[in-house]
Full PDB file with SEQRES, HELIX, SHEET, SSBOND, CRYST1, ORIGX, SCALE, CONECT and MASTER records, all heavy atoms in Angstrom:
SEQRES   1 A   45  GLY GLY THR LEU TYR VAL LEU SER THR ASP THR ASP ILE          
SEQRES   2 A   45  ASN TRP ASP PRO ALA LYS SER GLN SER LEU ALA ILE THR          
SEQRES   3 A   45  SER LEU ALA LEU VAL HIS ARG ARG LEU THR THR TRP ASP          
SEQRES   4 A   45  ILE THR ALA ASP GLY ALA                                      
HELIX    1 AA1 SER A   27  VAL A   31  1                                   5    
CRYST1    1.000    1.000    1.000  90.00  90.00  90.00 P 1           1          
ORIGX1      1.000000  0.000000  0.000000        0.00000                         
ORIGX2      0.000000  1.000000  0.000000        0.00000                         
ORIGX3      0.000000  0.000000  1.000000        0.00000                         
SCALE1      1.000000  0.000000  0.000000        0.00000                         
SCALE2      0.000000  1.000000  0.000000        0.00000                         
SCALE3      0.000000  0.000000  1.000000        0.00000                         
ATOM      1  N   GLY A   1     112.982 106.874 101.126  1.00  0.00           N  
ATOM      2  CA  GLY A   1     114.084 106.526 100.249  1.00  0.00           C  
ATOM      3  C   GLY A   1     114.192 105.025 100.038  1.00  0.00           C  
ATOM      4  O   GLY A   1     113.491 104.237 100.642  1.00  0.00           O  
ATOM      5  N   GLY A   2     115.098 104.652  99.165  1.00  0.00           N  
ATOM      6  CA  GLY A   2     115.339 103.251  98.888  1.00  0.00           C  
ATOM      7  C   GLY A   2     114.370 102.680  97.866  1.00  0.00           C  
ATOM      8  O   GLY A   2     113.508 103.380  97.328  1.00  0.00           O  
ATOM      9  N   THR A   3     114.535 101.387  97.606  1.00  0.00           N  
ATOM     10  CA  THR A   3     113.706 100.684  96.626  1.00  0.00           C  
ATOM     11  C   THR A   3     113.008  99.508  97.282  1.00  0.00           C  
ATOM     12  O   THR A   3     113.638  98.701  97.960  1.00  0.00           O  
ATOM     13  CB  THR A   3     114.559 100.180  95.448  1.00  0.00           C  
ATOM     14  OG1 THR A   3     115.188 101.293  94.802  1.00  0.00           O  
ATOM     15  CG2 THR A   3     113.694  99.440  94.426  1.00  0.00           C  
ATOM     16  N   LEU A   4     111.708  99.426  97.092  1.00  0.00           N  
ATOM     17  CA  LEU A   4     110.897  98.311  97.564  1.00  0.00           C  
ATOM     18  C   LEU A   4     110.614  97.400  96.381  1.00  0.00           C  
ATOM     19  O   LEU A   4     110.272  97.869  95.292  1.00  0.00           O  
ATOM     20  CB  LEU A   4     109.580  98.839  98.145  1.00  0.00           C  
ATOM     21  CG  LEU A   4     108.547  97.803  98.592  1.00  0.00           C  
ATOM     22  CD1 LEU A   4     109.027  97.059  99.835  1.00  0.00           C  
ATOM     23  CD2 LEU A   4     107.192  98.484  98.867  1.00  0.00           C  
ATOM     24  N   TYR A   5     110.767  96.093  96.592  1.00  0.00           N  
ATOM     25  CA  TYR A   5     110.547  95.123  95.520  1.00  0.00           C  
ATOM     26  C   TYR A   5     109.302  94.289  95.821  1.00  0.00           C  
ATOM     27  O   TYR A   5     109.128  93.810  96.940  1.00  0.00           O  
ATOM     28  CB  TYR A   5     111.753  94.199  95.371  1.00  0.00           C  
ATOM     29  CG  TYR A   5     113.017  94.920  94.935  1.00  0.00           C  
ATOM     30  CD1 TYR A   5     113.877  95.472  95.880  1.00  0.00           C  
ATOM     31  CD2 TYR A   5     113.329  95.068  93.586  1.00  0.00           C  
ATOM     32  CE1 TYR A   5     115.025  96.146  95.491  1.00  0.00           C  
ATOM     33  CE2 TYR A   5     114.479  95.749  93.190  1.00  0.00           C  
ATOM     34  CZ  TYR A   5     115.322  96.282  94.142  1.00  0.00           C  
ATOM     35  OH  TYR A   5     116.462  96.950  93.764  1.00  0.00           O  
ATOM     36  N   VAL A   6     108.462  94.133  94.815  1.00  0.00           N  
ATOM     37  CA  VAL A   6     107.256  93.306  94.928  1.00  0.00           C  
ATOM     38  C   VAL A   6     107.434  92.120  93.982  1.00  0.00           C  
ATOM     39  O   VAL A   6     107.543  92.304  92.761  1.00  0.00           O  
ATOM     40  CB  VAL A   6     105.987  94.089  94.557  1.00  0.00           C  
ATOM     41  CG1 VAL A   6     104.753  93.241  94.825  1.00  0.00           C  
ATOM     42  CG2 VAL A   6     105.918  95.402  95.327  1.00  0.00           C  
ATOM     43  N   LEU A   7     107.475  90.913  94.536  1.00  0.00           N  
ATOM     44  CA  LEU A   7     107.696  89.709  93.738  1.00  0.00           C  
ATOM     45  C   LEU A   7     106.347  89.080  93.425  1.00  0.00           C  
ATOM     46  O   LEU A   7     105.596  88.723  94.332  1.00  0.00           O  
ATOM     47  CB  LEU A   7     108.590  88.731  94.501  1.00  0.00           C  
ATOM     48  CG  LEU A   7     109.902  89.319  95.043  1.00  0.00           C  
ATOM     49  CD1 LEU A   7     110.709  88.251  95.790  1.00  0.00           C  
ATOM     50  CD2 LEU A   7     110.735  89.929  93.911  1.00  0.00           C  
ATOM     51  N   SER A   8     106.041  88.933  92.146  1.00  0.00           N  
ATOM     52  CA  SER A   8     104.712  88.490  91.741  1.00  0.00           C  
ATOM     53  C   SER A   8     104.778  87.387  90.690  1.00  0.00           C  
ATOM     54  O   SER A   8     105.607  87.433  89.778  1.00  0.00           O  
ATOM     55  CB  SER A   8     103.915  89.677  91.176  1.00  0.00           C  
ATOM     56  OG  SER A   8     102.658  89.263  90.695  1.00  0.00           O  
ATOM     57  N   THR A   9     103.893  86.408  90.827  1.00  0.00           N  
ATOM     58  CA  THR A   9     103.780  85.369  89.803  1.00  0.00           C  
ATOM     59  C   THR A   9     102.969  85.855  88.609  1.00  0.00           C  
ATOM     60  O   THR A   9     103.004  85.228  87.546  1.00  0.00           O  
ATOM     61  CB  THR A   9     103.113  84.109  90.377  1.00  0.00           C  
ATOM     62  OG1 THR A   9     101.802  84.441  90.842  1.00  0.00           O  
ATOM     63  CG2 THR A   9     103.917  83.534  91.535  1.00  0.00           C  
ATOM     64  N   ASP A  10     102.233  86.952  88.760  1.00  0.00           N  
ATOM     65  CA  ASP A  10     101.453  87.488  87.649  1.00  0.00           C  
ATOM     66  C   ASP A  10     102.390  87.943  86.532  1.00  0.00           C  
ATOM     67  O   ASP A  10     103.504  88.419  86.796  1.00  0.00           O  
ATOM     68  CB  ASP A  10     100.599  88.669  88.103  1.00  0.00           C  
ATOM     69  CG  ASP A  10      99.475  88.248  89.036  1.00  0.00           C  
ATOM     70  OD1 ASP A  10      99.129  87.055  89.040  1.00  0.00           O  
ATOM     71  OD2 ASP A  10      98.962  89.111  89.772  1.00  0.00           O  
ATOM     72  N   THR A  11     101.923  87.815  85.311  1.00  0.00           N  
ATOM     73  CA  THR A  11     102.762  88.198  84.172  1.00  0.00           C  
ATOM     74  C   THR A  11     102.518  89.629  83.719  1.00  0.00           C  
ATOM     75  O   THR A  11     103.218  90.128  82.846  1.00  0.00           O  
ATOM     76  CB  THR A  11     102.505  87.256  82.981  1.00  0.00           C  
ATOM     77  OG1 THR A  11     101.107  87.277  82.669  1.00  0.00           O  
ATOM     78  CG2 THR A  11     102.919  85.831  83.333  1.00  0.00           C  
ATOM     79  N   ASP A  12     101.544  90.291  84.314  1.00  0.00           N  
ATOM     80  CA  ASP A  12     101.258  91.668  83.919  1.00  0.00           C  
ATOM     81  C   ASP A  12     100.491  92.365  85.034  1.00  0.00           C  
ATOM     82  O   ASP A  12      99.895  91.715  85.904  1.00  0.00           O  
ATOM     83  CB  ASP A  12     100.428  91.696  82.633  1.00  0.00           C  
ATOM     84  CG  ASP A  12     100.471  93.045  81.923  1.00  0.00           C  
ATOM     85  OD1 ASP A  12     101.270  93.915  82.350  1.00  0.00           O  
ATOM     86  OD2 ASP A  12      99.723  93.234  80.952  1.00  0.00           O  
ATOM     87  N   ILE A  13     100.518  93.685  85.035  1.00  0.00           N  
ATOM     88  CA  ILE A  13      99.695  94.511  85.911  1.00  0.00           C  
ATOM     89  C   ILE A  13      98.975  95.508  85.022  1.00  0.00           C  
ATOM     90  O   ILE A  13      99.602  96.206  84.220  1.00  0.00           O  
ATOM     91  CB  ILE A  13     100.537  95.265  86.961  1.00  0.00           C  
ATOM     92  CG1 ILE A  13     101.271  94.284  87.875  1.00  0.00           C  
ATOM     93  CG2 ILE A  13      99.647  96.181  87.794  1.00  0.00           C  
ATOM     94  CD1 ILE A  13     102.194  94.961  88.865  1.00  0.00           C  
ATOM     95  N   ASN A  14      97.672  95.562  85.150  1.00  0.00           N  
ATOM     96  CA  ASN A  14      96.887  96.469  84.323  1.00  0.00           C  
ATOM     97  C   ASN A  14      96.718  97.787  85.072  1.00  0.00           C  
ATOM     98  O   ASN A  14      95.994  97.864  86.060  1.00  0.00           O  
ATOM     99  CB  ASN A  14      95.522  95.849  84.011  1.00  0.00           C  
ATOM    100  CG  ASN A  14      94.817  96.587  82.890  1.00  0.00           C  
ATOM    101  OD1 ASN A  14      94.887  97.807  82.805  1.00  0.00           O  
ATOM    102  ND2 ASN A  14      94.154  95.845  82.027  1.00  0.00           N  
ATOM    103  N   TRP A  15      97.363  98.830  84.594  1.00  0.00           N  
ATOM    104  CA  TRP A  15      97.325 100.128  85.270  1.00  0.00           C  
ATOM    105  C   TRP A  15      96.186 101.016  84.795  1.00  0.00           C  
ATOM    106  O   TRP A  15      96.096 102.176  85.189  1.00  0.00           O  
ATOM    107  CB  TRP A  15      98.662 100.850  85.082  1.00  0.00           C  
ATOM    108  CG  TRP A  15      99.816 100.086  85.648  1.00  0.00           C  
ATOM    109  CD1 TRP A  15     100.687  99.290  84.965  1.00  0.00           C  
ATOM    110  CD2 TRP A  15     100.204 100.003  87.025  1.00  0.00           C  
ATOM    111  NE1 TRP A  15     101.598  98.728  85.832  1.00  0.00           N  
ATOM    112  CE2 TRP A  15     101.325  99.145  87.107  1.00  0.00           C  
ATOM    113  CE3 TRP A  15      99.713 100.580  88.201  1.00  0.00           C  
ATOM    114  CZ2 TRP A  15     101.966  98.853  88.299  1.00  0.00           C  
ATOM    115  CZ3 TRP A  15     100.348 100.291  89.398  1.00  0.00           C  
ATOM    116  CH2 TRP A  15     101.467  99.438  89.440  1.00  0.00           C  
ATOM    117  N   ASP A  16      95.311 100.468  83.935  1.00  0.00           N  
ATOM    118  CA  ASP A  16      94.159 101.229  83.473  1.00  0.00           C  
ATOM    119  C   ASP A  16      93.044 101.097  84.515  1.00  0.00           C  
ATOM    120  O   ASP A  16      92.544 100.000  84.754  1.00  0.00           O  
ATOM    121  CB  ASP A  16      93.676 100.686  82.124  1.00  0.00           C  
ATOM    122  CG  ASP A  16      92.633 101.581  81.469  1.00  0.00           C  
ATOM    123  OD1 ASP A  16      91.800 102.150  82.199  1.00  0.00           O  
ATOM    124  OD2 ASP A  16      92.655 101.699  80.229  1.00  0.00           O  
ATOM    125  N   PRO A  17      92.611 102.196  85.134  1.00  0.00           N  
ATOM    126  CA  PRO A  17      91.604 102.090  86.195  1.00  0.00           C  
ATOM    127  C   PRO A  17      90.271 101.541  85.711  1.00  0.00           C  
ATOM    128  O   PRO A  17      89.516 100.974  86.500  1.00  0.00           O  
ATOM    129  CB  PRO A  17      91.468 103.523  86.718  1.00  0.00           C  
ATOM    130  CG  PRO A  17      92.010 104.387  85.637  1.00  0.00           C  
ATOM    131  CD  PRO A  17      93.070 103.587  84.948  1.00  0.00           C  
ATOM    132  N   ALA A  18      89.968 101.699  84.427  1.00  0.00           N  
ATOM    133  CA  ALA A  18      88.711 101.161  83.908  1.00  0.00           C  
ATOM    134  C   ALA A  18      88.726  99.637  83.880  1.00  0.00           C  
ATOM    135  O   ALA A  18      87.682  98.999  84.016  1.00  0.00           O  
ATOM    136  CB  ALA A  18      88.441 101.700  82.505  1.00  0.00           C  
ATOM    137  N   LYS A  19      89.897  99.037  83.722  1.00  0.00           N  
ATOM    138  CA  LYS A  19      89.999  97.584  83.573  1.00  0.00           C  
ATOM    139  C   LYS A  19      90.509  96.894  84.827  1.00  0.00           C  
ATOM    140  O   LYS A  19      90.570  95.670  84.889  1.00  0.00           O  
ATOM    141  CB  LYS A  19      90.932  97.256  82.406  1.00  0.00           C  
ATOM    142  CG  LYS A  19      90.473  97.814  81.071  1.00  0.00           C  
ATOM    143  CD  LYS A  19      91.440  97.480  79.951  1.00  0.00           C  
ATOM    144  CE  LYS A  19      91.368  96.012  79.575  1.00  0.00           C  
ATOM    145  NZ  LYS A  19      92.181  95.702  78.388  1.00  0.00           N  
ATOM    146  N   SER A  20      90.863  97.665  85.837  1.00  0.00           N  
ATOM    147  CA  SER A  20      91.509  97.092  87.018  1.00  0.00           C  
ATOM    148  C   SER A  20      90.501  96.618  88.054  1.00  0.00           C  
ATOM    149  O   SER A  20      89.432  97.203  88.230  1.00  0.00           O  
ATOM    150  CB  SER A  20      92.430  98.128  87.663  1.00  0.00           C  
ATOM    151  OG  SER A  20      93.006  97.617  88.846  1.00  0.00           O  
ATOM    152  N   GLN A  21      90.896  95.540  88.759  1.00  0.00           N  
ATOM    153  CA  GLN A  21      90.144  95.064  89.908  1.00  0.00           C  
ATOM    154  C   GLN A  21      91.001  95.150  91.168  1.00  0.00           C  
ATOM    155  O   GLN A  21      90.754  94.480  92.159  1.00  0.00           O  
ATOM    156  CB  GLN A  21      89.691  93.616  89.675  1.00  0.00           C  
ATOM    157  CG  GLN A  21      88.753  93.480  88.496  1.00  0.00           C  
ATOM    158  CD  GLN A  21      88.213  92.079  88.342  1.00  0.00           C  
ATOM    159  OE1 GLN A  21      88.547  91.181  89.091  1.00  0.00           O  
ATOM    160  NE2 GLN A  21      87.356  91.888  87.360  1.00  0.00           N  
ATOM    161  N   SER A  22      91.980  96.015  91.150  1.00  0.00           N  
ATOM    162  CA  SER A  22      92.920  96.170  92.257  1.00  0.00           C  
ATOM    163  C   SER A  22      92.224  96.743  93.492  1.00  0.00           C  
ATOM    164  O   SER A  22      91.350  97.613  93.397  1.00  0.00           O  
ATOM    165  CB  SER A  22      94.055  97.097  91.830  1.00  0.00           C  
ATOM    166  OG  SER A  22      94.943  97.350  92.885  1.00  0.00           O  
ATOM    167  N   LEU A  23      92.644  96.255  94.645  1.00  0.00           N  
ATOM    168  CA  LEU A  23      92.144  96.796  95.911  1.00  0.00           C  
ATOM    169  C   LEU A  23      92.616  98.228  96.105  1.00  0.00           C  
ATOM    170  O   LEU A  23      93.614  98.657  95.522  1.00  0.00           O  
ATOM    171  CB  LEU A  23      92.645  95.937  97.074  1.00  0.00           C  
ATOM    172  CG  LEU A  23      92.123  94.507  97.166  1.00  0.00           C  
ATOM    173  CD1 LEU A  23      92.890  93.737  98.235  1.00  0.00           C  
ATOM    174  CD2 LEU A  23      90.645  94.507  97.494  1.00  0.00           C  
ATOM    175  N   ALA A  24      91.941  98.936  96.982  1.00  0.00           N  
ATOM    176  CA  ALA A  24      92.278 100.342  97.247  1.00  0.00           C  
ATOM    177  C   ALA A  24      93.559 100.497  98.036  1.00  0.00           C  
ATOM    178  O   ALA A  24      94.001 101.631  98.290  1.00  0.00           O  
ATOM    179  CB  ALA A  24      91.130 101.027  97.984  1.00  0.00           C  
ATOM    180  N   ILE A  25      94.200  99.376  98.441  1.00  0.00           N  
ATOM    181  CA  ILE A  25      95.444  99.478  99.216  1.00  0.00           C  
ATOM    182  C   ILE A  25      96.604  98.773  98.518  1.00  0.00           C  
ATOM    183  O   ILE A  25      97.670  98.620  99.104  1.00  0.00           O  
ATOM    184  CB  ILE A  25      95.270  98.882 100.630  1.00  0.00           C  
ATOM    185  CG1 ILE A  25      94.894  97.406 100.556  1.00  0.00           C  
ATOM    186  CG2 ILE A  25      94.252  99.679 101.421  1.00  0.00           C  
ATOM    187  CD1 ILE A  25      94.991  96.674 101.877  1.00  0.00           C  
ATOM    188  N   THR A  26      96.402  98.345  97.255  1.00  0.00           N  
ATOM    189  CA  THR A  26      97.489  97.638  96.580  1.00  0.00           C  
ATOM    190  C   THR A  26      97.989  98.428  95.380  1.00  0.00           C  
ATOM    191  O   THR A  26      97.987  99.645  95.397  1.00  0.00           O  
ATOM    192  CB  THR A  26      97.054  96.202  96.220  1.00  0.00           C  
ATOM    193  OG1 THR A  26      95.830  96.256  95.471  1.00  0.00           O  
ATOM    194  CG2 THR A  26      96.824  95.373  97.476  1.00  0.00           C  
ATOM    195  N   SER A  27      98.429  97.758  94.323  1.00  0.00           N  
ATOM    196  CA  SER A  27      99.250  98.386  93.286  1.00  0.00           C  
ATOM    197  C   SER A  27      98.650  99.645  92.663  1.00  0.00           C  
ATOM    198  O   SER A  27      99.313 100.688  92.580  1.00  0.00           O  
ATOM    199  CB  SER A  27      99.571  97.367  92.193  1.00  0.00           C  
ATOM    200  OG  SER A  27      98.380  96.895  91.598  1.00  0.00           O  
ATOM    201  N   LEU A  28      97.412  99.560  92.186  1.00  0.00           N  
ATOM    202  CA  LEU A  28      96.837 100.672  91.440  1.00  0.00           C  
ATOM    203  C   LEU A  28      96.776 101.942  92.269  1.00  0.00           C  
ATOM    204  O   LEU A  28      96.933 103.048  91.741  1.00  0.00           O  
ATOM    205  CB  LEU A  28      95.443 100.311  90.939  1.00  0.00           C  
ATOM    206  CG  LEU A  28      94.917 101.216  89.816  1.00  0.00           C  
ATOM    207  CD1 LEU A  28      95.523 100.805  88.484  1.00  0.00           C  
ATOM    208  CD2 LEU A  28      93.400 101.169  89.736  1.00  0.00           C  
ATOM    209  N   ALA A  29      96.540 101.794  93.574  1.00  0.00           N  
ATOM    210  CA  ALA A  29      96.397 102.967  94.443  1.00  0.00           C  
ATOM    211  C   ALA A  29      97.710 103.716  94.636  1.00  0.00           C  
ATOM    212  O   ALA A  29      97.707 104.846  95.127  1.00  0.00           O  
ATOM    213  CB  ALA A  29      95.839 102.552  95.797  1.00  0.00           C  
ATOM    214  N   LEU A  30      98.824 103.131  94.261  1.00  0.00           N  
ATOM    215  CA  LEU A  30     100.101 103.839  94.296  1.00  0.00           C  
ATOM    216  C   LEU A  30     100.177 104.878  93.182  1.00  0.00           C  
ATOM    217  O   LEU A  30     100.867 105.892  93.301  1.00  0.00           O  
ATOM    218  CB  LEU A  30     101.261 102.851  94.156  1.00  0.00           C  
ATOM    219  CG  LEU A  30     101.426 101.835  95.289  1.00  0.00           C  
ATOM    220  CD1 LEU A  30     102.361 100.715  94.848  1.00  0.00           C  
ATOM    221  CD2 LEU A  30     101.946 102.517  96.548  1.00  0.00           C  
ATOM    222  N   VAL A  31      99.442 104.615  92.098  1.00  0.00           N  
ATOM    223  CA  VAL A  31      99.502 105.466  90.902  1.00  0.00           C  
ATOM    224  C   VAL A  31      98.253 106.331  90.759  1.00  0.00           C  
ATOM    225  O   VAL A  31      98.331 107.477  90.323  1.00  0.00           O  
ATOM    226  CB  VAL A  31      99.700 104.590  89.642  1.00  0.00           C  
ATOM    227  CG1 VAL A  31      99.616 105.419  88.363  1.00  0.00           C  
ATOM    228  CG2 VAL A  31     101.034 103.856  89.716  1.00  0.00           C  
ATOM    229  N   HIS A  32      97.090 105.769  91.125  1.00  0.00           N  
ATOM    230  CA  HIS A  32      95.822 106.478  90.919  1.00  0.00           C  
ATOM    231  C   HIS A  32      95.110 106.734  92.243  1.00  0.00           C  
ATOM    232  O   HIS A  32      94.934 105.818  93.042  1.00  0.00           O  
ATOM    233  CB  HIS A  32      94.890 105.648  90.034  1.00  0.00           C  
ATOM    234  CG  HIS A  32      95.402 105.410  88.647  1.00  0.00           C  
ATOM    235  ND1 HIS A  32      95.543 106.409  87.711  1.00  0.00           N  
ATOM    236  CD2 HIS A  32      95.790 104.262  88.022  1.00  0.00           C  
ATOM    237  CE1 HIS A  32      96.001 105.898  86.589  1.00  0.00           C  
ATOM    238  NE2 HIS A  32      96.162 104.599  86.747  1.00  0.00           N  
ATOM    239  N   ARG A  33      94.652 107.960  92.436  1.00  0.00           N  
ATOM    240  CA  ARG A  33      93.776 108.291  93.552  1.00  0.00           C  
ATOM    241  C   ARG A  33      92.328 108.239  93.075  1.00  0.00           C  
ATOM    242  O   ARG A  33      92.063 108.265  91.876  1.00  0.00           O  
ATOM    243  CB  ARG A  33      94.117 109.674  94.117  1.00  0.00           C  
ATOM    244  CG  ARG A  33      95.539 109.750  94.663  1.00  0.00           C  
ATOM    245  CD  ARG A  33      95.902 111.145  95.152  1.00  0.00           C  
ATOM    246  NE  ARG A  33      95.147 111.505  96.364  1.00  0.00           N  
ATOM    247  CZ  ARG A  33      95.331 112.645  97.031  1.00  0.00           C  
ATOM    248  NH1 ARG A  33      96.230 113.546  96.597  1.00  0.00           N  
ATOM    249  NH2 ARG A  33      94.628 112.901  98.127  1.00  0.00           N  
ATOM    250  N   ARG A  34      91.387 108.152  94.030  1.00  0.00           N  
ATOM    251  CA  ARG A  34      89.969 108.105  93.698  1.00  0.00           C  
ATOM    252  C   ARG A  34      89.249 109.147  94.546  1.00  0.00           C  
ATOM    253  O   ARG A  34      89.875 109.826  95.358  1.00  0.00           O  
ATOM    254  CB  ARG A  34      89.389 106.720  93.995  1.00  0.00           C  
ATOM    255  CG  ARG A  34      90.132 105.551  93.289  1.00  0.00           C  
ATOM    256  CD  ARG A  34      91.190 104.920  94.201  1.00  0.00           C  
ATOM    257  NE  ARG A  34      92.006 103.900  93.562  1.00  0.00           N  
ATOM    258  CZ  ARG A  34      91.777 102.604  93.637  1.00  0.00           C  
ATOM    259  NH1 ARG A  34      90.761 102.142  94.319  1.00  0.00           N  
ATOM    260  NH2 ARG A  34      92.577 101.760  93.031  1.00  0.00           N  
ATOM    261  N   LEU A  35      87.949 109.286  94.417  1.00  0.00           N  
ATOM    262  CA  LEU A  35      87.217 110.263  95.224  1.00  0.00           C  
ATOM    263  C   LEU A  35      87.340 109.960  96.712  1.00  0.00           C  
ATOM    264  O   LEU A  35      87.550 110.846  97.533  1.00  0.00           O  
ATOM    265  CB  LEU A  35      85.745 110.310  94.808  1.00  0.00           C  
ATOM    266  CG  LEU A  35      85.455 111.048  93.502  1.00  0.00           C  
ATOM    267  CD1 LEU A  35      83.999 110.863  93.095  1.00  0.00           C  
ATOM    268  CD2 LEU A  35      85.781 112.532  93.622  1.00  0.00           C  
ATOM    269  N   THR A  36      87.185 108.696  97.081  1.00  0.00           N  
ATOM    270  CA  THR A  36      87.405 108.260  98.463  1.00  0.00           C  
ATOM    271  C   THR A  36      88.388 107.103  98.445  1.00  0.00           C  
ATOM    272  O   THR A  36      88.746 106.584  97.381  1.00  0.00           O  
ATOM    273  CB  THR A  36      86.096 107.789  99.134  1.00  0.00           C  
ATOM    274  OG1 THR A  36      85.606 106.629  98.449  1.00  0.00           O  
ATOM    275  CG2 THR A  36      85.037 108.880  99.127  1.00  0.00           C  
ATOM    276  N   THR A  37      88.818 106.690  99.620  1.00  0.00           N  
ATOM    277  CA  THR A  37      89.715 105.541  99.696  1.00  0.00           C  
ATOM    278  C   THR A  37      89.507 104.850 101.035  1.00  0.00           C  
ATOM    279  O   THR A  37      88.610 105.223 101.801  1.00  0.00           O  
ATOM    280  CB  THR A  37      91.185 105.960  99.485  1.00  0.00           C  
ATOM    281  OG1 THR A  37      91.998 104.781  99.367  1.00  0.00           O  
ATOM    282  CG2 THR A  37      91.690 106.830 100.625  1.00  0.00           C  
ATOM    283  N   TRP A  38      90.325 103.841 101.328  1.00  0.00           N  
ATOM    284  CA  TRP A  38      90.195 103.087 102.561  1.00  0.00           C  
ATOM    285  C   TRP A  38      91.324 103.436 103.523  1.00  0.00           C  
ATOM    286  O   TRP A  38      92.485 103.517 103.127  1.00  0.00           O  
ATOM    287  CB  TRP A  38      90.272 101.587 102.299  1.00  0.00           C  
ATOM    288  CG  TRP A  38      89.311 101.051 101.291  1.00  0.00           C  
ATOM    289  CD1 TRP A  38      88.281 101.714 100.676  1.00  0.00           C  
ATOM    290  CD2 TRP A  38      89.305  99.719 100.763  1.00  0.00           C  
ATOM    291  NE1 TRP A  38      87.630 100.883  99.802  1.00  0.00           N  
ATOM    292  CE2 TRP A  38      88.237  99.645  99.841  1.00  0.00           C  
ATOM    293  CE3 TRP A  38      90.092  98.594 100.977  1.00  0.00           C  
ATOM    294  CZ2 TRP A  38      87.945  98.479  99.130  1.00  0.00           C  
ATOM    295  CZ3 TRP A  38      89.793  97.432 100.279  1.00  0.00           C  
ATOM    296  CH2 TRP A  38      88.734  97.385  99.372  1.00  0.00           C  
ATOM    297  N   ASP A  39      90.964 103.589 104.775  1.00  0.00           N  
ATOM    298  CA  ASP A  39      91.960 103.725 105.839  1.00  0.00           C  
ATOM    299  C   ASP A  39      92.062 102.365 106.519  1.00  0.00           C  
ATOM    300  O   ASP A  39      91.139 101.942 107.213  1.00  0.00           O  
ATOM    301  CB  ASP A  39      91.530 104.806 106.830  1.00  0.00           C  
ATOM    302  CG  ASP A  39      92.608 105.095 107.870  1.00  0.00           C  
ATOM    303  OD1 ASP A  39      93.741 104.613 107.700  1.00  0.00           O  
ATOM    304  OD2 ASP A  39      92.305 105.784 108.856  1.00  0.00           O  
ATOM    305  N   ILE A  40      93.167 101.671 106.278  1.00  0.00           N  
ATOM    306  CA  ILE A  40      93.364 100.310 106.785  1.00  0.00           C  
ATOM    307  C   ILE A  40      94.548 100.305 107.741  1.00  0.00           C  
ATOM    308  O   ILE A  40      95.664 100.698 107.371  1.00  0.00           O  
ATOM    309  CB  ILE A  40      93.647  99.319 105.638  1.00  0.00           C  
ATOM    310  CG1 ILE A  40      92.494  99.333 104.620  1.00  0.00           C  
ATOM    311  CG2 ILE A  40      93.871  97.911 106.177  1.00  0.00           C  
ATOM    312  CD1 ILE A  40      91.196  98.782 105.122  1.00  0.00           C  
ATOM    313  N   THR A  41      94.317  99.869 108.970  1.00  0.00           N  
ATOM    314  CA  THR A  41      95.382  99.744 109.957  1.00  0.00           C  
ATOM    315  C   THR A  41      95.468  98.303 110.424  1.00  0.00           C  
ATOM    316  O   THR A  41      94.577  97.489 110.176  1.00  0.00           O  
ATOM    317  CB  THR A  41      95.128 100.668 111.164  1.00  0.00           C  
ATOM    318  OG1 THR A  41      93.866 100.324 111.758  1.00  0.00           O  
ATOM    319  CG2 THR A  41      95.094 102.131 110.723  1.00  0.00           C  
ATOM    320  N   ALA A  42      96.555  97.969 111.124  1.00  0.00           N  
ATOM    321  CA  ALA A  42      96.800  96.585 111.501  1.00  0.00           C  
ATOM    322  C   ALA A  42      95.736  96.027 112.435  1.00  0.00           C  
ATOM    323  O   ALA A  42      95.393  94.853 112.358  1.00  0.00           O  
ATOM    324  CB  ALA A  42      98.183  96.460 112.151  1.00  0.00           C  
ATOM    325  N   ASP A  43      95.198  96.854 113.316  1.00  0.00           N  
ATOM    326  CA  ASP A  43      94.266  96.332 114.311  1.00  0.00           C  
ATOM    327  C   ASP A  43      92.941  97.085 114.358  1.00  0.00           C  
ATOM    328  O   ASP A  43      92.149  96.915 115.275  1.00  0.00           O  
ATOM    329  CB  ASP A  43      94.908  96.353 115.695  1.00  0.00           C  
ATOM    330  CG  ASP A  43      95.429  97.729 116.061  1.00  0.00           C  
ATOM    331  OD1 ASP A  43      95.247  98.667 115.256  1.00  0.00           O  
ATOM    332  OD2 ASP A  43      96.028  97.866 117.142  1.00  0.00           O  
ATOM    333  N   GLY A  44      92.681  97.910 113.350  1.00  0.00           N  
ATOM    334  CA  GLY A  44      91.448  98.686 113.362  1.00  0.00           C  
ATOM    335  C   GLY A  44      90.472  98.230 112.304  1.00  0.00           C  
ATOM    336  O   GLY A  44      90.807  97.456 111.404  1.00  0.00           O  
ATOM    337  N   ALA A  45      89.235  98.684 112.424  1.00  0.00           N  
ATOM    338  CA  ALA A  45      88.224  98.394 111.415  1.00  0.00           C  
ATOM    339  C   ALA A  45      88.474  99.260 110.183  1.00  0.00           C  
ATOM    340  O   ALA A  45      88.915 100.401 110.297  1.00  0.00           O  
ATOM    341  CB  ALA A  45      86.840  98.690 111.981  1.00  0.00           C  
TER     342      ALA A  45                                                      
MASTER        0    0    0    1    0    0    0    6  341    1    0    4          
END                                                                             
């Protein structure tokens, strides 16, 4: 629940997966899934 705010100096976010260079753990991955993805933890590989 609740609202999370992301403060960005960028003037736009490109949500088109063909044009995006977003990491698998940042903005685009909230909207689009892929065949595989990354499991990233604070202290793991």
